[in-house]
C-alpha atoms as a PDB file:
ATOM      1  CA  MET A   1     -58.299   7.495 -46.540  1.00  0.00           C
ATOM      2  CA  PRO A   2     -57.308  10.042 -43.827  1.00  0.00           C
ATOM      3  CA  ALA A   3     -53.614  10.918 -43.338  1.00  0.00           C
ATOM      4  CA  THR A   4     -53.629   9.946 -39.638  1.00  0.00           C
ATOM      5  CA  GLU A   5     -54.570   6.349 -40.283  1.00  0.00           C
ATOM      6  CA  THR A   6     -51.734   3.912 -40.651  1.00  0.00           C
ATOM      7  CA  THR A   7     -51.746   0.574 -42.276  1.00  0.00           C
ATOM      8  CA  GLN A   8     -51.146  -2.614 -40.436  1.00  0.00           C
ATOM      9  CA  ASN A   9     -47.681  -2.998 -41.986  1.00  0.00           C
ATOM     10  CA  GLU A  10     -46.507   0.347 -40.595  1.00  0.00           C
ATOM     11  CA  GLN A  11     -47.547  -0.480 -37.017  1.00  0.00           C
ATOM     12  CA  GLN A  12     -45.743  -3.803 -36.736  1.00  0.00           C
ATOM     13  CA  PRO A  13     -41.977  -4.020 -36.740  1.00  0.00           C
ATOM     14  CA  PRO A  14     -40.472  -6.103 -39.495  1.00  0.00           C
ATOM     15  CA  ALA A  15     -40.226  -9.777 -38.620  1.00  0.00           C
ATOM     16  CA  GLU A  16     -36.756 -10.903 -37.553  1.00  0.00           C
ATOM     17  CA  PRO A  17     -35.269 -13.646 -39.652  1.00  0.00           C
ATOM     18  CA  THR A  18     -35.115 -16.920 -37.784  1.00  0.00           C
ATOM     19  CA  THR A  19     -32.118 -19.142 -38.154  1.00  0.00           C
ATOM     20  CA  PRO A  20     -32.152 -22.841 -37.425  1.00  0.00           C
ATOM     21  CA  PRO A  21     -30.236 -23.795 -34.267  1.00  0.00           C
ATOM     22  CA  THR A  22     -26.656 -24.760 -34.910  1.00  0.00           C
ATOM     23  CA  PRO A  23     -25.077 -27.782 -33.245  1.00  0.00           C
ATOM     24  CA  SER A  24     -22.767 -25.488 -31.206  1.00  0.00           C
ATOM     25  CA  SER A  25     -25.707 -23.631 -29.663  1.00  0.00           C
ATOM     26  CA  GLN A  26     -27.442 -26.800 -28.504  1.00  0.00           C
ATOM     27  CA  PRO A  27     -26.269 -28.320 -25.206  1.00  0.00           C
ATOM     28  CA  PRO A  28     -24.587 -31.735 -25.417  1.00  0.00           C
ATOM     29  CA  ALA A  29     -26.902 -34.678 -25.020  1.00  0.00           C
ATOM     30  CA  ASP A  30     -25.067 -35.980 -21.924  1.00  0.00           C
ATOM     31  CA  GLN A  31     -25.764 -32.773 -19.952  1.00  0.00           C
ATOM     32  CA  GLN A  32     -29.138 -32.473 -18.375  1.00  0.00           C
ATOM     33  CA  GLN A  33     -30.957 -29.222 -18.739  1.00  0.00           C
ATOM     34  CA  PRO A  34     -31.845 -27.658 -15.410  1.00  0.00           C
ATOM     35  CA  GLU A  35     -35.406 -28.055 -14.374  1.00  0.00           C
ATOM     36  CA  GLU A  36     -37.500 -24.990 -13.910  1.00  0.00           C
ATOM     37  CA  GLN A  37     -37.132 -23.557 -10.468  1.00  0.00           C
ATOM     38  CA  GLN A  38     -40.280 -23.582  -8.470  1.00  0.00           C
ATOM     39  CA  PRO A  39     -41.132 -20.649  -6.237  1.00  0.00           C
ATOM     40  CA  PRO A  40     -40.371 -21.256  -2.550  1.00  0.00           C
ATOM     41  CA  GLU A  41     -43.164 -22.845  -0.646  1.00  0.00           C
ATOM     42  CA  SER A  42     -45.166 -20.646   1.648  1.00  0.00           C
ATOM     43  CA  ASN A  43     -46.023 -21.592   5.212  1.00  0.00           C
ATOM     44  CA  GLU A  44     -49.404 -21.193   6.845  1.00  0.00           C
ATOM     45  CA  ASN A  45     -49.000 -17.448   7.387  1.00  0.00           C
ATOM     46  CA  GLY A  46     -48.199 -16.842   3.737  1.00  0.00           C
ATOM     47  CA  ASN A  47     -44.576 -15.845   4.550  1.00  0.00           C
ATOM     48  CA  ASP A  48     -41.686 -17.415   2.760  1.00  0.00           C
ATOM     49  CA  GLU A  49     -39.479 -19.740   4.776  1.00  0.00           C
ATOM     50  CA  GLN A  50     -36.503 -17.532   3.914  1.00  0.00           C
ATOM     51  CA  GLU A  51     -37.971 -14.614   5.844  1.00  0.00           C
ATOM     52  CA  ASN A  52     -37.773 -16.614   9.062  1.00  0.00           C
ATOM     53  CA  GLU A  53     -34.002 -17.036   8.666  1.00  0.00           C
ATOM     54  CA  PRO A  54     -31.883 -14.162   9.981  1.00  0.00           C
ATOM     55  CA  ASP A  55     -29.977 -12.071   7.456  1.00  0.00           C
ATOM     56  CA  THR A  56     -27.014 -11.615   9.812  1.00  0.00           C
ATOM     57  CA  PHE A  57     -24.293 -13.826  11.187  1.00  0.00           C
ATOM     58  CA  PRO A  58     -24.232 -14.960  14.804  1.00  0.00           C
ATOM     59  CA  ARG A  59     -22.770 -12.386  17.183  1.00  0.00           C
ATOM     60  CA  GLU A  60     -19.933 -14.668  18.362  1.00  0.00           C
ATOM     61  CA  TYR A  61     -18.806 -15.290  14.782  1.00  0.00           C
ATOM     62  CA  VAL A  62     -18.752 -11.570  13.982  1.00  0.00           C
ATOM     63  CA  GLU A  63     -16.824 -10.766  17.168  1.00  0.00           C
ATOM     64  CA  ASN A  64     -14.233 -13.422  16.300  1.00  0.00           C
ATOM     65  CA  LEU A  65     -13.839 -11.935  12.825  1.00  0.00           C
ATOM     66  CA  ARG A  66     -13.401  -8.448  14.267  1.00  0.00           C
ATOM     67  CA  GLN A  67     -10.763  -9.652  16.733  1.00  0.00           C
ATOM     68  CA  GLU A  68      -8.922 -11.477  13.977  1.00  0.00           C
ATOM     69  CA  ASN A  69      -8.969  -8.404  11.742  1.00  0.00           C
ATOM     70  CA  ALA A  70      -7.805  -6.197  14.617  1.00  0.00           C
ATOM     71  CA  ARG A  71      -4.877  -8.562  15.176  1.00  0.00           C
ATOM     72  CA  TYR A  72      -3.962  -8.432  11.475  1.00  0.00           C
ATOM     73  CA  ARG A  73      -4.137  -4.620  11.459  1.00  0.00           C
ATOM     74  CA  THR A  74      -1.871  -4.477  14.525  1.00  0.00           C
ATOM     75  CA  GLU A  75       0.618  -6.869  12.939  1.00  0.00           C
ATOM     76  CA  ALA A  76       0.620  -4.866   9.706  1.00  0.00           C
ATOM     77  CA  LYS A  77       1.211  -1.620  11.600  1.00  0.00           C
ATOM     78  CA  THR A  78       4.085  -3.223  13.535  1.00  0.00           C
ATOM     79  CA  ALA A  79       5.613  -4.610  10.339  1.00  0.00           C
ATOM     80  CA  GLU A  80       5.345  -1.196   8.682  1.00  0.00           C
ATOM     81  CA  THR A  81       7.015   0.502  11.649  1.00  0.00           C
ATOM     82  CA  LEU A  82       9.821  -2.045  11.740  1.00  0.00           C
ATOM     83  CA  GLY A  83      10.311  -1.733   7.986  1.00  0.00           C
ATOM     84  CA  ALA A  84      10.649   2.043   8.292  1.00  0.00           C
ATOM     85  CA  ARG A  85      13.179   1.674  11.119  1.00  0.00           C
ATOM     86  CA  LEU A  86      15.184  -0.855   9.109  1.00  0.00           C
ATOM     87  CA  HIS A  87      15.147   1.489   6.113  1.00  0.00           C
ATOM     88  CA  THR A  88      16.444   4.348   8.254  1.00  0.00           C
ATOM     89  CA  GLU A  89      19.271   2.200   9.624  1.00  0.00           C
ATOM     90  CA  LEU A  90      20.231   0.960   6.158  1.00  0.00           C
ATOM     91  CA  VAL A  91      20.462   4.571   4.973  1.00  0.00           C
ATOM     92  CA  ARG A  92      22.497   5.457   8.081  1.00  0.00           C
ATOM     93  CA  ALA A  93      24.875   2.554   7.308  1.00  0.00           C
ATOM     94  CA  THR A  94      25.718   4.053   3.927  1.00  0.00           C
ATOM     95  CA  GLY A  95      27.113   7.140   5.703  1.00  0.00           C
ATOM     96  CA  LYS A  96      26.243   9.344   2.743  1.00  0.00           C
ATOM     97  CA  LEU A  97      23.456  11.414   4.322  1.00  0.00           C
ATOM     98  CA  ALA A  98      23.705  13.688   7.349  1.00  0.00           C
ATOM     99  CA  ASP A  99      20.157  12.730   8.384  1.00  0.00           C
ATOM    100  CA  PRO A 100      19.040   9.249   7.250  1.00  0.00           C
ATOM    101  CA  THR A 101      15.367  10.206   7.544  1.00  0.00           C
ATOM    102  CA  ASP A 102      15.765  12.580   4.580  1.00  0.00           C
ATOM    103  CA  LEU A 103      15.289   9.631   2.215  1.00  0.00           C
ATOM    104  CA  PRO A 104      11.599   8.645   2.195  1.00  0.00           C
ATOM    105  CA  PHE A 105      10.694   5.037   2.970  1.00  0.00           C
ATOM    106  CA  ASN A 106      10.467   2.670   0.016  1.00  0.00           C
ATOM    107  CA  ALA A 107       9.990  -1.089   0.498  1.00  0.00           C
ATOM    108  CA  GLU A 108      12.085  -1.798  -2.609  1.00  0.00           C
ATOM    109  CA  HIS A 109      15.142  -0.380  -0.820  1.00  0.00           C
ATOM    110  CA  LEU A 110      14.871  -3.129   1.811  1.00  0.00           C
ATOM    111  CA  GLU A 111      15.182  -5.875  -0.779  1.00  0.00           C
ATOM    112  CA  ASP A 112      17.684  -4.343  -3.202  1.00  0.00           C
ATOM    113  CA  PRO A 113      20.821  -2.654  -1.815  1.00  0.00           C
ATOM    114  CA  ASP A 114      21.685  -1.308  -5.272  1.00  0.00           C
ATOM    115  CA  ALA A 115      18.323   0.481  -5.446  1.00  0.00           C
ATOM    116  CA  LEU A 116      18.991   1.980  -2.009  1.00  0.00           C
ATOM    117  CA  ALA A 117      22.437   3.218  -3.058  1.00  0.00           C
ATOM    118  CA  ALA A 118      21.021   4.652  -6.284  1.00  0.00           C
ATOM    119  CA  ALA A 119      18.228   6.435  -4.379  1.00  0.00           C
ATOM    120  CA  VAL A 120      20.708   7.939  -1.902  1.00  0.00           C
ATOM    121  CA  ASP A 121      22.974   9.093  -4.743  1.00  0.00           C
ATOM    122  CA  ALA A 122      20.005  10.600  -6.626  1.00  0.00           C
ATOM    123  CA  LEU A 123      18.899  12.454  -3.491  1.00  0.00           C
ATOM    124  CA  ILE A 124      22.407  13.831  -2.912  1.00  0.00           C
ATOM    125  CA  GLU A 125      22.626  14.902  -6.543  1.00  0.00           C
ATOM    126  CA  ALA A 126      19.265  16.693  -6.307  1.00  0.00           C
ATOM    127  CA  LYS A 127      19.933  18.186  -2.856  1.00  0.00           C
ATOM    128  CA  PRO A 128      23.685  18.388  -2.169  1.00  0.00           C
ATOM    129  CA  HIS A 129      23.132  20.138   1.174  1.00  0.00           C
ATOM    130  CA  LEU A 130      21.853  16.818   2.612  1.00  0.00           C
ATOM    131  CA  LYS A 131      25.229  15.130   2.107  1.00  0.00           C
ATOM    132  CA  ALA A 132      27.121  14.106   5.233  1.00  0.00           C
ATOM    133  CA  ARG A 133      30.134  16.269   5.939  1.00  0.00           C
ATOM    134  CA  ARG A 134      33.401  14.946   7.238  1.00  0.00           C
ATOM    135  CA  PHE A 135      35.728  17.444   8.867  1.00  0.00           C
ATOM    136  CA  VAL A 136      39.420  16.835   8.456  1.00  0.00           C
ATOM    137  CA  GLY A 137      42.278  18.578  10.178  1.00  0.00           C
ATOM    138  CA  ASP A 138      42.278  21.115  13.004  1.00  0.00           C
ATOM    139  CA  VAL A 139      38.814  22.602  13.429  1.00  0.00           C
ATOM    140  CA  GLY A 140      39.663  24.456  16.614  1.00  0.00           C
ATOM    141  CA  GLN A 141      38.227  21.980  19.069  1.00  0.00           C
ATOM    142  CA  GLY A 142      39.380  18.981  20.993  1.00  0.00           C
ATOM    143  CA  GLY A 143      42.796  18.027  22.316  1.00  0.00           C
ATOM    144  CA  ARG A 144      45.726  20.018  21.018  1.00  0.00           C
ATOM    145  CA  GLY A 145      48.555  17.902  22.263  1.00  0.00           C
ATOM    146  CA  SER A 146      50.842  19.026  25.101  1.00  0.00           C
ATOM    147  CA  ALA A 147      50.069  22.333  26.721  1.00  0.00           C
ATOM    148  CA  GLU A 148      52.717  24.592  28.234  1.00  0.00           C
ATOM    149  CA  ALA A 149      53.446  24.174  31.913  1.00  0.00           C
ATOM    150  CA  GLY A 150      51.604  27.323  32.852  1.00  0.00           C
ATOM    151  CA  VAL A 151      52.048  31.055  32.996  1.00  0.00           C
ATOM    152  CA  ASN A 152      55.474  32.158  34.193  1.00  0.00           C
ATOM    153  CA  LEU A 153      55.266  35.807  35.191  1.00  0.00           C
ATOM    154  CA  LEU A 154      58.980  35.990  36.032  1.00  0.00           C
ATOM    155  CA  GLY A 155      59.811  34.691  32.573  1.00  0.00           C
ATOM    156  CA  MET A 156      57.585  37.316  30.981  1.00  0.00           C
ATOM    157  CA  LEU A 157      59.211  40.147  32.960  1.00  0.00           C
ATOM    158  CA  ASN A 158      62.685  38.932  32.149  1.00  0.00           C
ATOM    159  CA  ALA A 159      61.781  38.741  28.441  1.00  0.00           C
ATOM    160  CA  ARG A 160      60.806  42.431  28.428  1.00  0.00           C
ATOM    161  CA  ALA A 161      63.838  43.645  30.261  1.00  0.00           C
END
């Protein structure tokens, strides 16, 4: 026997053991098994009926969907802008920052005032130069009370004499 020949047992894979069907793998008797699906019928030209149907939606329907989506995008953009403005004003109301736009927008700050206060405090702790400054006392500007009546040259000459 030549070395290149193989026996029939070597060519065939081993047979898989078959197990009897278990009751859980069989469908219940009250459910009907689906019938085999038949291929779609062909018309006289040999084309399937499905090929005659368009694959797209009607133009009016698509335009309505686009308009509706455009409206939703506009509303979302407006809501986002208003949310950012509200956030800025809430930060301004705390009075802790010189510029309320230094704190980046976070939607959680709109719902939870404690989170807003904590975020402002954390920002001030990390960057103390952003803190609002309050000047107290005489800073050299503004009203100084009563001014003297004016310059009295005669009084100045008499004071030197």
